[in-house]
Structure formats: C-alpha cells, structure tokens
Protein backbone atom coordinates (compact mmCIF):
# COMPACT_ATOMS: atom_id res chain seq x y z
CA MET A 1 35.65 2.45 46.37
CA SER A 2 35.41 6.17 45.75
CA LYS A 3 37.38 5.83 42.47
CA LYS A 4 34.84 3.27 41.22
CA ILE A 5 31.94 5.57 42.09
CA ASN A 6 33.68 8.47 40.32
CA LYS A 7 34.16 6.26 37.24
CA TYR A 8 30.48 5.24 37.26
CA ILE A 9 29.33 8.83 37.70
CA SER A 10 31.66 9.99 34.92
CA PHE A 11 30.43 7.20 32.65
CA ILE A 12 26.78 8.03 33.35
CA LEU A 13 27.38 11.73 32.69
CA PHE A 14 29.17 10.80 29.47
CA LEU A 15 26.18 8.70 28.36
CA ILE A 16 23.77 11.52 29.21
CA VAL A 17 25.82 14.04 27.21
CA VAL A 18 26.16 11.73 24.19
CA GLY A 19 22.47 10.79 24.38
CA SER A 20 21.37 14.41 24.52
CA LEU A 21 23.60 15.28 21.55
CA ILE A 22 22.12 12.46 19.49
CA TYR A 23 18.59 13.41 20.54
CA ARG A 24 19.19 17.07 19.68
CA GLN A 25 20.71 16.10 16.33
CA LYS A 26 17.51 14.23 15.41
CA LYS A 27 15.44 17.20 16.57
CA ILE A 28 17.62 19.57 14.55
CA GLN A 29 17.23 17.36 11.47
CA GLU A 30 13.45 17.29 11.95
CA VAL A 31 13.34 21.07 12.30
CA LEU A 32 15.55 21.58 9.24
CA LEU A 33 13.59 19.09 7.14
CA SER A 34 10.35 20.69 8.24
CA TYR A 35 11.73 24.12 7.34
CA GLU A 36 12.98 22.89 3.94
CA THR A 37 9.61 21.27 3.22
CA GLN A 38 7.81 24.49 4.13
CA GLN A 39 10.14 26.51 1.90
CA ALA A 40 9.65 24.08 -0.99
CA ALA A 41 5.88 24.25 -0.53
CA LYS A 42 6.04 28.05 -0.75
CA GLN A 43 7.95 27.82 -4.04
CA ILE A 44 5.63 25.27 -5.67
CA PRO A 45 2.39 26.81 -6.81
CA THR A 46 -0.71 25.11 -5.48
CA LEU A 47 -2.35 23.03 -8.16
CA ALA A 48 -6.05 22.30 -8.12
CA PRO A 49 -6.72 18.58 -7.80
CA SER A 50 -8.91 16.85 -10.32
CA ALA A 51 -12.51 16.20 -9.44
CA ASN A 52 -12.54 13.17 -11.76
CA LEU A 53 -12.30 10.10 -9.54
CA GLU A 54 -13.29 6.66 -10.77
CA PHE A 55 -12.97 3.34 -9.01
CA ARG A 56 -13.77 -0.36 -9.33
CA VAL A 57 -15.39 -2.19 -6.43
CA GLY A 58 -13.89 -5.54 -5.46
CA LYS A 59 -14.48 -8.04 -2.70
CA ASP A 60 -15.99 -6.80 0.54
CA SER A 61 -17.07 -3.58 -1.23
CA GLN A 62 -13.50 -2.24 -1.12
CA LYS A 63 -12.32 -0.18 -4.04
CA GLU A 64 -9.59 -1.97 -6.01
CA ALA A 65 -8.74 0.69 -8.57
CA TYR A 66 -8.60 4.47 -8.56
CA GLU A 67 -8.15 6.80 -11.51
CA PHE A 68 -7.11 10.43 -11.20
CA THR A 69 -6.88 13.00 -13.99
CA ALA A 70 -4.49 15.97 -13.89
CA THR A 71 -6.19 19.33 -14.24
CA VAL A 72 -3.00 21.26 -15.00
CA SER A 73 0.42 20.46 -16.45
CA GLY A 74 3.22 19.76 -13.97
CA GLN A 75 0.92 18.22 -11.38
CA ASN A 76 2.63 15.69 -9.10
CA ALA A 77 0.89 12.28 -9.19
CA LEU A 78 1.36 11.63 -5.47
CA GLU A 79 -0.11 14.98 -4.48
CA LEU A 80 -3.03 14.48 -6.86
CA ALA A 81 -3.78 10.99 -5.49
CA GLN A 82 -3.45 12.18 -1.88
CA SER A 83 -5.90 15.01 -2.53
CA GLN A 84 -8.56 12.51 -3.61
CA ALA A 85 -7.95 9.36 -1.49
CA LYS A 86 -6.32 8.39 1.80
CA LEU A 87 -2.97 6.77 0.99
CA ASP A 88 -0.81 4.69 3.32
CA LEU A 89 2.75 5.34 2.23
CA LYS A 90 6.14 4.00 3.19
CA LYS A 91 9.30 5.90 2.36
CA TYR A 92 12.42 4.05 1.32
CA ASP A 93 15.84 5.19 0.10
CA PHE A 94 14.71 4.53 -3.48
CA GLY A 95 11.40 6.37 -3.15
CA THR A 96 7.87 6.33 -1.78
CA MET A 97 5.75 3.19 -1.98
CA VAL A 98 1.95 3.06 -1.84
CA GLU A 99 1.11 0.37 0.71
CA GLY A 100 -2.60 1.05 1.03
CA VAL A 101 -5.41 3.10 -0.42
CA ALA A 102 -8.53 3.94 1.61
CA GLY A 103 -7.72 1.17 4.08
CA LEU A 104 -7.10 -1.61 1.54
CA MET A 105 -3.52 -2.63 2.31
CA ALA A 106 -1.00 -4.48 0.19
CA ASP A 107 -0.20 -7.94 1.54
CA SER A 108 1.89 -10.97 0.65
CA LYS A 109 -0.38 -11.69 -2.36
CA HIS A 110 -1.32 -8.19 -3.57
CA TYR A 111 0.25 -4.79 -4.21
CA TRP A 112 -0.80 -1.37 -5.48
CA ALA A 113 0.33 -0.98 -9.09
CA ILE A 114 0.71 2.47 -10.62
CA TYR A 115 -0.29 3.16 -14.22
CA GLN A 116 0.36 6.36 -16.13
CA ASP A 117 -2.01 6.87 -19.08
CA GLY A 118 -2.81 3.16 -19.19
CA GLU A 119 0.78 1.92 -19.08
CA TYR A 120 2.67 0.54 -16.09
CA ALA A 121 4.56 3.47 -14.56
CA LYS A 122 8.32 3.53 -15.08
CA THR A 123 8.97 5.50 -11.88
CA GLY A 124 7.48 5.77 -8.42
CA ILE A 125 4.35 7.81 -7.85
CA ALA A 126 6.24 10.65 -6.14
CA ASP A 127 8.43 11.13 -9.24
CA ILE A 128 5.62 11.29 -11.80
CA LYS A 129 4.79 14.72 -13.19
CA LEU A 130 1.54 14.77 -15.14
CA GLU A 131 0.47 16.86 -18.08
CA LYS A 132 -3.03 18.34 -18.17
CA GLY A 133 -5.55 15.58 -18.90
CA GLU A 134 -3.06 12.78 -18.24
CA LYS A 135 -4.35 9.97 -16.02
CA ILE A 136 -2.77 8.10 -13.13
CA GLU A 137 -4.29 4.85 -11.89
CA LEU A 138 -3.74 2.90 -8.69
CA LYS A 139 -4.76 -0.74 -9.10
CA TYR A 140 -4.82 -3.44 -6.45
CA GLU A 141 -3.20 -6.33 -8.28
CA GLU A 142 -2.17 -9.88 -7.47
CA ILE A 143 1.53 -10.58 -7.23
CA LYS A 144 2.43 -13.07 -9.95
CA LEU A 145 5.78 -14.83 -9.76
C-alpha cells in the first residue's frame, strides 16, 4: 500500500514540476516577446497618423468603408488604421486578419476587404507600407462564391 502511495505522490510531483515548467516557458515567451516588441517600437520612429478619415454609412447606421491616407512615407497600414478606428484583429501563422472595424464584425456572408490606392491589396494589412499620400481602404464586402 505504501509503494502505491509513493508512486502516486511521485507522479503528482512530476506533474506539478512539468506543469510549472510549461507555465514558466509561456511566461518567459510572453516576457521575451513583450521585450522584443518594446525594442522594435523604440527603433521605429513614431509616424503621425493621417487626419483624413472618410467612411460610407450602411445598414443600421454602421460604417461599411473606411479610407485612411498616409501622411509620411513608410507608414504601416495597420498602425495607421488602428490610430483612426477600433479594429478587431485575429493573428494567424500567415498574418493578421481584420475581423471587425468599429464593432461591425465579419460574418459568414461578409468580410473586411483591404484596398491599397483603389486596388485590392496583394498582402495583408500588417505587411503594407504606404508612401506619403497613398490611401488604404477597409470595405465591408459580401462574400461571393
């Protein structure tokens, strides 16, 4: 009986040690990622967001399109859009996806399309670098199959 109790206690201690190592690893990753993000933010000069914001009103008085204009060259489209509107984002391995803008969420029939100077963007919003005066648009569009 005592051998069984010793085995259970050893097993429980093993689980606690492994669990704490996994937990600490996640915490370490969060701390490192936070540190790397802070360092990257220090290296990137702060760019003034554009004050030019246009939108189209759709059903239920929700805005269905947003247009942002870069005020300086090298401006990141995601940062520019986030400075002007509340974005709901989801990060994937392939990049960041805009799931909602100002509370209007994508659903099974609609999505947020990204246009760069009037043309459908070839990359995700986080990968778009804008030149001064270049426009980025977020449009709530119907999914057509």
